[in-house]
Amino acid sequence: MFPLHDDNPTRIVPVVTVSLLVACVLVFIWQMSLGQQFERAIYSFGAIPSVVFGIKDLPTELDIVPPWTTVLTSMFMHGGWMHLIGNMLYLWIFGNNVEDSMGHVRFVIFYLLCGIAAFLAQSLPAPQSVVPMVGASGAISGVLGAYLLLFPHARVLVAIPLGFIIHTTRLPAGWVLAFWFVLQLVSSALSGQQEGGVAFGAHIGGFVAGLVLIPLFKYKSHPLFARPRS
């Protein structure tokens, strides 16, 4: 099930959401321009748990920025086109309404905190890991968690592959996002302690962070479980 669009207008121009999207795309274009140095950039600017926690050091030629800053730089890097497109699709659909609920500045802080929480959720169980974490998935997962509490009744157009046929329908956002979260839990359980691949722990951690933080970041006048504006 893939979300395509939500029927939930905003009152403000989502400049932060659009800026984050553009930044991620531009960074990935830069990554692609590196050619054979693509992987080197992943190790230099991706968040490697064992390096961030001071357990190990990067080789001198890869040690470009302070280790703790890679928790932030990693949020703007992606491992491939499909990784980027999937993340940007979710950010585009759900980010504007969450930004609308708290304003531009708060949204920046909220987004980064969710990304940091996602990193910790993935890395604390295995702080010795040498696998770099990249992608906006954790921060965007926080956006999804916030949207679930803010607009569970909003209608989301989704595409459901049925063999060679793709069926589209509108479902409540609460169903769509709850299904996404359960899928992350199942995928995390099935993947176990396997190194590399999709960081399902980060998705779960970011989502939970969004649930916890949204009551603190939203405008007091903006209710939870709101009906979408028409």
C-alpha atoms as a PDB file:
ATOM      1  CA  MET A   1       0.000   0.000   0.000  1.00  0.00           C
ATOM      2  CA  PHE A   2       1.550   3.275  -1.182  1.00  0.00           C
ATOM      3  CA  PRO A   3       0.147   6.722  -0.263  1.00  0.00           C
ATOM      4  CA  LEU A   4      -0.244   9.128  -3.167  1.00  0.00           C
ATOM      5  CA  HIS A   5      -2.042  12.170  -1.781  1.00  0.00           C
ATOM      6  CA  ASP A   6      -4.038  13.377   1.197  1.00  0.00           C
ATOM      7  CA  ASP A   7      -7.209  15.490   1.166  1.00  0.00           C
ATOM      8  CA  ASN A   8      -6.036  17.879   3.863  1.00  0.00           C
ATOM      9  CA  PRO A   9      -5.348  21.515   2.858  1.00  0.00           C
ATOM     10  CA  THR A  10      -2.974  23.775   4.778  1.00  0.00           C
ATOM     11  CA  ARG A  11      -3.226  27.404   5.861  1.00  0.00           C
ATOM     12  CA  ILE A  12       0.448  28.288   5.351  1.00  0.00           C
ATOM     13  CA  VAL A  13       2.977  27.717   2.616  1.00  0.00           C
ATOM     14  CA  PRO A  14       5.075  24.708   3.796  1.00  0.00           C
ATOM     15  CA  VAL A  15       8.418  26.347   3.106  1.00  0.00           C
ATOM     16  CA  VAL A  16      10.344  24.076   5.498  1.00  0.00           C
ATOM     17  CA  THR A  17       8.870  20.879   4.058  1.00  0.00           C
ATOM     18  CA  VAL A  18       9.689  22.002   0.532  1.00  0.00           C
ATOM     19  CA  SER A  19      13.172  23.173   1.580  1.00  0.00           C
ATOM     20  CA  LEU A  20      13.944  19.822   3.213  1.00  0.00           C
ATOM     21  CA  LEU A  21      12.762  18.004   0.110  1.00  0.00           C
ATOM     22  CA  VAL A  22      14.847  20.176  -2.205  1.00  0.00           C
ATOM     23  CA  ALA A  23      17.901  19.858   0.058  1.00  0.00           C
ATOM     24  CA  CYS A  24      17.681  16.056   0.057  1.00  0.00           C
ATOM     25  CA  VAL A  25      17.352  15.969  -3.729  1.00  0.00           C
ATOM     26  CA  LEU A  26      20.284  18.338  -4.254  1.00  0.00           C
ATOM     27  CA  VAL A  27      22.485  16.382  -1.832  1.00  0.00           C
ATOM     28  CA  PHE A  28      21.665  13.149  -3.634  1.00  0.00           C
ATOM     29  CA  ILE A  29      22.479  14.714  -7.020  1.00  0.00           C
ATOM     30  CA  TRP A  30      25.828  15.730  -5.490  1.00  0.00           C
ATOM     31  CA  GLN A  31      26.315  12.157  -4.256  1.00  0.00           C
ATOM     32  CA  MET A  32      25.634  10.802  -7.733  1.00  0.00           C
ATOM     33  CA  SER A  33      28.122  13.254  -9.236  1.00  0.00           C
ATOM     34  CA  LEU A  34      30.881  11.700  -7.128  1.00  0.00           C
ATOM     35  CA  GLY A  35      30.949   8.534  -9.204  1.00  0.00           C
ATOM     36  CA  GLN A  36      33.209   5.977  -7.562  1.00  0.00           C
ATOM     37  CA  GLN A  37      33.542   8.255  -4.510  1.00  0.00           C
ATOM     38  CA  PHE A  38      29.818   7.767  -3.703  1.00  0.00           C
ATOM     39  CA  GLU A  39      30.542   5.182  -1.008  1.00  0.00           C
ATOM     40  CA  ARG A  40      33.289   7.335   0.496  1.00  0.00           C
ATOM     41  CA  ALA A  41      30.767  10.146   1.008  1.00  0.00           C
ATOM     42  CA  ILE A  42      28.413   7.701   2.759  1.00  0.00           C
ATOM     43  CA  TYR A  43      31.151   6.808   5.263  1.00  0.00           C
ATOM     44  CA  SER A  44      32.234  10.430   5.736  1.00  0.00           C
ATOM     45  CA  PHE A  45      28.782  11.963   6.241  1.00  0.00           C
ATOM     46  CA  GLY A  46      26.675   8.979   7.279  1.00  0.00           C
ATOM     47  CA  ALA A  47      26.118   8.326  10.975  1.00  0.00           C
ATOM     48  CA  ILE A  48      28.245   5.338  12.049  1.00  0.00           C
ATOM     49  CA  PRO A  49      27.239   4.339  15.610  1.00  0.00           C
ATOM     50  CA  SER A  50      30.678   3.181  16.739  1.00  0.00           C
ATOM     51  CA  VAL A  51      32.247   6.424  15.456  1.00  0.00           C
ATOM     52  CA  VAL A  52      29.568   8.714  16.908  1.00  0.00           C
ATOM     53  CA  PHE A  53      29.923   7.032  20.310  1.00  0.00           C
ATOM     54  CA  GLY A  54      33.731   7.267  20.206  1.00  0.00           C
ATOM     55  CA  ILE A  55      34.308   3.513  20.122  1.00  0.00           C
ATOM     56  CA  LYS A  56      36.143   3.624  16.793  1.00  0.00           C
ATOM     57  CA  ASP A  57      37.728   6.265  14.574  1.00  0.00           C
ATOM     58  CA  LEU A  58      37.412   6.842  10.861  1.00  0.00           C
ATOM     59  CA  PRO A  59      40.520   6.750   8.670  1.00  0.00           C
ATOM     60  CA  THR A  60      42.009  10.223   8.289  1.00  0.00           C
ATOM     61  CA  GLU A  61      40.889  10.551   4.677  1.00  0.00           C
ATOM     62  CA  LEU A  62      37.250   9.937   5.666  1.00  0.00           C
ATOM     63  CA  ASP A  63      37.250  12.023   8.857  1.00  0.00           C
ATOM     64  CA  ILE A  64      35.858  15.254   7.387  1.00  0.00           C
ATOM     65  CA  VAL A  65      33.344  16.483   9.986  1.00  0.00           C
ATOM     66  CA  PRO A  66      33.026  15.958  13.767  1.00  0.00           C
ATOM     67  CA  PRO A  67      31.397  12.555  14.398  1.00  0.00           C
ATOM     68  CA  TRP A  68      28.353  13.954  16.229  1.00  0.00           C
ATOM     69  CA  THR A  69      27.451  16.184  13.281  1.00  0.00           C
ATOM     70  CA  THR A  70      26.982  13.129  11.066  1.00  0.00           C
ATOM     71  CA  VAL A  71      23.736  12.429  12.941  1.00  0.00           C
ATOM     72  CA  LEU A  72      22.466  15.568  11.177  1.00  0.00           C
ATOM     73  CA  THR A  73      24.260  15.280   7.830  1.00  0.00           C
ATOM     74  CA  SER A  74      23.082  11.683   7.450  1.00  0.00           C
ATOM     75  CA  MET A  75      19.453  12.889   7.390  1.00  0.00           C
ATOM     76  CA  PHE A  76      20.057  14.527   4.008  1.00  0.00           C
ATOM     77  CA  MET A  77      21.839  11.604   2.318  1.00  0.00           C
ATOM     78  CA  HIS A  78      20.326   8.545   0.652  1.00  0.00           C
ATOM     79  CA  GLY A  79      21.598   5.223  -0.582  1.00  0.00           C
ATOM     80  CA  GLY A  80      19.769   5.144  -3.923  1.00  0.00           C
ATOM     81  CA  TRP A  81      17.028   6.643  -6.063  1.00  0.00           C
ATOM     82  CA  MET A  82      14.244   4.449  -4.664  1.00  0.00           C
ATOM     83  CA  HIS A  83      15.338   5.281  -1.105  1.00  0.00           C
ATOM     84  CA  LEU A  84      15.160   8.989  -1.937  1.00  0.00           C
ATOM     85  CA  ILE A  85      11.864   8.851  -3.861  1.00  0.00           C
ATOM     86  CA  GLY A  86      10.080   6.854  -1.158  1.00  0.00           C
ATOM     87  CA  ASN A  87      11.178   9.215   1.599  1.00  0.00           C
ATOM     88  CA  MET A  88      10.362  12.364  -0.348  1.00  0.00           C
ATOM     89  CA  LEU A  89       6.911  11.028  -1.246  1.00  0.00           C
ATOM     90  CA  TYR A  90       6.012  10.552   2.424  1.00  0.00           C
ATOM     91  CA  LEU A  91       7.518  13.933   3.359  1.00  0.00           C
ATOM     92  CA  TRP A  92       5.574  15.685   0.590  1.00  0.00           C
ATOM     93  CA  ILE A  93       2.236  14.110   1.523  1.00  0.00           C
ATOM     94  CA  PHE A  94       2.374  14.403   5.313  1.00  0.00           C
ATOM     95  CA  GLY A  95       4.980  17.057   6.134  1.00  0.00           C
ATOM     96  CA  ASN A  96       3.009  20.128   5.059  1.00  0.00           C
ATOM     97  CA  ASN A  97       0.146  19.522   7.496  1.00  0.00           C
ATOM     98  CA  VAL A  98       2.473  18.819  10.419  1.00  0.00           C
ATOM     99  CA  GLU A  99       4.383  22.012   9.631  1.00  0.00           C
ATOM    100  CA  ASP A 100       1.041  23.824   9.462  1.00  0.00           C
ATOM    101  CA  SER A 101       0.188  22.603  12.971  1.00  0.00           C
ATOM    102  CA  MET A 102       3.264  24.140  14.627  1.00  0.00           C
ATOM    103  CA  GLY A 103       4.828  26.728  12.333  1.00  0.00           C
ATOM    104  CA  HIS A 104       8.110  26.804  10.441  1.00  0.00           C
ATOM    105  CA  VAL A 105      10.692  27.167  13.237  1.00  0.00           C
ATOM    106  CA  ARG A 106       9.130  24.584  15.521  1.00  0.00           C
ATOM    107  CA  PHE A 107       8.852  22.182  12.619  1.00  0.00           C
ATOM    108  CA  VAL A 108      12.593  22.387  11.918  1.00  0.00           C
ATOM    109  CA  ILE A 109      13.375  21.581  15.566  1.00  0.00           C
ATOM    110  CA  PHE A 110      10.725  18.836  15.673  1.00  0.00           C
ATOM    111  CA  TYR A 111      12.061  17.229  12.476  1.00  0.00           C
ATOM    112  CA  LEU A 112      15.671  17.197  13.683  1.00  0.00           C
ATOM    113  CA  LEU A 113      14.749  15.844  17.119  1.00  0.00           C
ATOM    114  CA  CYS A 114      12.822  12.993  15.530  1.00  0.00           C
ATOM    115  CA  GLY A 115      15.837  12.222  13.348  1.00  0.00           C
ATOM    116  CA  ILE A 116      18.131  12.169  16.386  1.00  0.00           C
ATOM    117  CA  ALA A 117      15.696   9.917  18.270  1.00  0.00           C
ATOM    118  CA  ALA A 118      15.616   7.591  15.260  1.00  0.00           C
ATOM    119  CA  PHE A 119      19.413   7.351  15.238  1.00  0.00           C
ATOM    120  CA  LEU A 120      19.499   6.527  18.942  1.00  0.00           C
ATOM    121  CA  ALA A 121      16.775   3.899  18.604  1.00  0.00           C
ATOM    122  CA  GLN A 122      18.726   2.145  15.873  1.00  0.00           C
ATOM    123  CA  SER A 123      22.235   2.558  17.299  1.00  0.00           C
ATOM    124  CA  LEU A 124      21.920   2.121  21.066  1.00  0.00           C
ATOM    125  CA  PRO A 125      21.157  -1.623  20.809  1.00  0.00           C
ATOM    126  CA  ALA A 126      24.348  -2.027  18.728  1.00  0.00           C
ATOM    127  CA  PRO A 127      26.695   0.876  19.520  1.00  0.00           C
ATOM    128  CA  GLN A 128      29.681  -1.021  18.100  1.00  0.00           C
ATOM    129  CA  SER A 129      28.149  -1.097  14.601  1.00  0.00           C
ATOM    130  CA  VAL A 130      30.365   0.135  11.762  1.00  0.00           C
ATOM    131  CA  VAL A 131      27.481   0.355   9.248  1.00  0.00           C
ATOM    132  CA  PRO A 132      26.734   3.972   8.246  1.00  0.00           C
ATOM    133  CA  MET A 133      23.141   5.140   8.623  1.00  0.00           C
ATOM    134  CA  VAL A 134      21.826   7.492   5.922  1.00  0.00           C
ATOM    135  CA  GLY A 135      18.426   8.787   4.941  1.00  0.00           C
ATOM    136  CA  ALA A 136      15.601  11.014   6.097  1.00  0.00           C
ATOM    137  CA  SER A 137      13.480   7.983   7.020  1.00  0.00           C
ATOM    138  CA  GLY A 138      13.805   8.401  10.785  1.00  0.00           C
ATOM    139  CA  ALA A 139      12.882  12.075  10.816  1.00  0.00           C
ATOM    140  CA  ILE A 140      10.028  11.498   8.376  1.00  0.00           C
ATOM    141  CA  SER A 141       8.791   8.648  10.561  1.00  0.00           C
ATOM    142  CA  GLY A 142       8.410  11.264  13.293  1.00  0.00           C
ATOM    143  CA  VAL A 143       6.302  13.329  10.903  1.00  0.00           C
ATOM    144  CA  LEU A 144       4.089  10.289  10.316  1.00  0.00           C
ATOM    145  CA  GLY A 145       3.661   9.740  14.052  1.00  0.00           C
ATOM    146  CA  ALA A 146       2.659  13.380  14.484  1.00  0.00           C
ATOM    147  CA  TYR A 147       0.204  13.206  11.577  1.00  0.00           C
ATOM    148  CA  LEU A 148      -1.420  10.110  13.088  1.00  0.00           C
ATOM    149  CA  LEU A 149      -2.320  12.047  16.246  1.00  0.00           C
ATOM    150  CA  LEU A 150      -3.168  15.272  14.447  1.00  0.00           C
ATOM    151  CA  PHE A 151      -5.274  14.053  11.523  1.00  0.00           C
ATOM    152  CA  PRO A 152      -6.261  10.373  11.871  1.00  0.00           C
ATOM    153  CA  HIS A 153      -9.545  11.106  10.058  1.00  0.00           C
ATOM    154  CA  ALA A 154      -7.970  12.709   6.975  1.00  0.00           C
ATOM    155  CA  ARG A 155      -8.497  10.730   3.778  1.00  0.00           C
ATOM    156  CA  VAL A 156      -5.416   9.445   1.983  1.00  0.00           C
ATOM    157  CA  LEU A 157      -5.394   8.237  -1.597  1.00  0.00           C
ATOM    158  CA  VAL A 158      -3.415   4.994  -1.681  1.00  0.00           C
ATOM    159  CA  ALA A 159      -2.312   2.602  -4.404  1.00  0.00           C
ATOM    160  CA  ILE A 160      -2.690  -1.097  -3.645  1.00  0.00           C
ATOM    161  CA  PRO A 161      -0.890  -3.517  -6.026  1.00  0.00           C
ATOM    162  CA  LEU A 162      -3.087  -6.520  -6.831  1.00  0.00           C
ATOM    163  CA  GLY A 163      -0.941  -8.665  -9.080  1.00  0.00           C
ATOM    164  CA  PHE A 164      -0.567  -6.768 -12.354  1.00  0.00           C
ATOM    165  CA  ILE A 165      -3.353  -4.351 -11.413  1.00  0.00           C
ATOM    166  CA  ILE A 166      -2.935  -1.305  -9.188  1.00  0.00           C
ATOM    167  CA  HIS A 167      -6.099  -0.410  -7.310  1.00  0.00           C
ATOM    168  CA  THR A 168      -6.525   3.072  -5.841  1.00  0.00           C
ATOM    169  CA  THR A 169      -8.799   4.001  -2.966  1.00  0.00           C
ATOM    170  CA  ARG A 170      -9.143   6.564  -0.196  1.00  0.00           C
ATOM    171  CA  LEU A 171      -8.586   5.408   3.375  1.00  0.00           C
ATOM    172  CA  PRO A 172      -8.444   7.202   6.740  1.00  0.00           C
ATOM    173  CA  ALA A 173      -4.937   8.356   7.540  1.00  0.00           C
ATOM    174  CA  GLY A 174      -5.149   6.533  10.857  1.00  0.00           C
ATOM    175  CA  TRP A 175      -5.502   3.210   9.042  1.00  0.00           C
ATOM    176  CA  VAL A 176      -2.712   3.973   6.569  1.00  0.00           C
ATOM    177  CA  LEU A 177      -0.212   5.093   9.211  1.00  0.00           C
ATOM    178  CA  ALA A 178      -1.130   2.363  11.699  1.00  0.00           C
ATOM    179  CA  PHE A 179      -0.570  -0.198   8.916  1.00  0.00           C
ATOM    180  CA  TRP A 180       2.813   1.407   8.147  1.00  0.00           C
ATOM    181  CA  PHE A 181       3.859   1.249  11.817  1.00  0.00           C
ATOM    182  CA  VAL A 182       2.799  -2.381  12.243  1.00  0.00           C
ATOM    183  CA  LEU A 183       4.739  -3.204   9.075  1.00  0.00           C
ATOM    184  CA  GLN A 184       7.860  -1.634  10.625  1.00  0.00           C
ATOM    185  CA  LEU A 185       7.402  -3.676  13.817  1.00  0.00           C
ATOM    186  CA  VAL A 186       6.999  -6.926  11.881  1.00  0.00           C
ATOM    187  CA  SER A 187       9.911  -6.132   9.569  1.00  0.00           C
ATOM    188  CA  SER A 188      12.133  -5.249  12.542  1.00  0.00           C
ATOM    189  CA  ALA A 189      11.252  -8.519  14.294  1.00  0.00           C
ATOM    190  CA  LEU A 190      11.952 -10.546  11.147  1.00  0.00           C
ATOM    191  CA  SER A 191      15.252  -8.778  10.418  1.00  0.00           C
ATOM    192  CA  GLY A 192      16.562  -9.438  13.959  1.00  0.00           C
ATOM    193  CA  GLN A 193      20.100  -8.187  14.545  1.00  0.00           C
ATOM    194  CA  GLN A 194      21.104  -8.281  10.887  1.00  0.00           C
ATOM    195  CA  GLU A 195      23.608  -5.569   9.970  1.00  0.00           C
ATOM    196  CA  GLY A 196      22.914  -3.269   7.047  1.00  0.00           C
ATOM    197  CA  GLY A 197      19.745  -3.011   5.001  1.00  0.00           C
ATOM    198  CA  VAL A 198      16.717  -0.994   6.124  1.00  0.00           C
ATOM    199  CA  ALA A 199      17.002   0.587   9.591  1.00  0.00           C
ATOM    200  CA  PHE A 200      13.594  -0.468  10.881  1.00  0.00           C
ATOM    201  CA  GLY A 201      14.609   0.421  14.442  1.00  0.00           C
ATOM    202  CA  ALA A 202      15.142   4.008  13.304  1.00  0.00           C
ATOM    203  CA  HIS A 203      11.700   4.072  11.703  1.00  0.00           C
ATOM    204  CA  ILE A 204      10.085   2.870  14.920  1.00  0.00           C
ATOM    205  CA  GLY A 205      12.104   5.252  17.097  1.00  0.00           C
ATOM    206  CA  GLY A 206      11.325   8.240  14.904  1.00  0.00           C
ATOM    207  CA  PHE A 207       7.620   7.379  14.798  1.00  0.00           C
ATOM    208  CA  VAL A 208       7.394   7.067  18.595  1.00  0.00           C
ATOM    209  CA  ALA A 209       9.293  10.339  18.979  1.00  0.00           C
ATOM    210  CA  GLY A 210       6.738  12.034  16.744  1.00  0.00           C
ATOM    211  CA  LEU A 211       3.897  10.684  18.881  1.00  0.00           C
ATOM    212  CA  VAL A 212       5.552  11.936  22.071  1.00  0.00           C
ATOM    213  CA  LEU A 213       6.696  15.335  20.794  1.00  0.00           C
ATOM    214  CA  ILE A 214       3.673  16.517  18.830  1.00  0.00           C
ATOM    215  CA  PRO A 215       1.617  17.547  21.906  1.00  0.00           C
ATOM    216  CA  LEU A 216       4.564  19.721  22.958  1.00  0.00           C
ATOM    217  CA  PHE A 217       5.239  21.302  19.555  1.00  0.00           C
ATOM    218  CA  LYS A 218       1.794  21.890  18.059  1.00  0.00           C
ATOM    219  CA  TYR A 219      -0.023  25.172  18.580  1.00  0.00           C
ATOM    220  CA  LYS A 220      -2.203  25.047  21.679  1.00  0.00           C
ATOM    221  CA  SER A 221      -5.141  26.031  19.507  1.00  0.00           C
ATOM    222  CA  HIS A 222      -4.592  23.044  17.219  1.00  0.00           C
ATOM    223  CA  PRO A 223      -6.433  19.986  18.593  1.00  0.00           C
ATOM    224  CA  LEU A 224      -5.301  16.405  18.335  1.00  0.00           C
ATOM    225  CA  PHE A 225      -7.490  13.996  16.367  1.00  0.00           C
ATOM    226  CA  ALA A 226      -8.779  16.903  14.300  1.00  0.00           C
ATOM    227  CA  ARG A 227     -11.074  16.564  11.328  1.00  0.00           C
ATOM    228  CA  PRO A 228      -9.400  17.842   8.145  1.00  0.00           C
ATOM    229  CA  ARG A 229     -10.351  21.296   6.883  1.00  0.00           C
ATOM    230  CA  SER A 230     -12.404  21.374   3.707  1.00  0.00           C
END
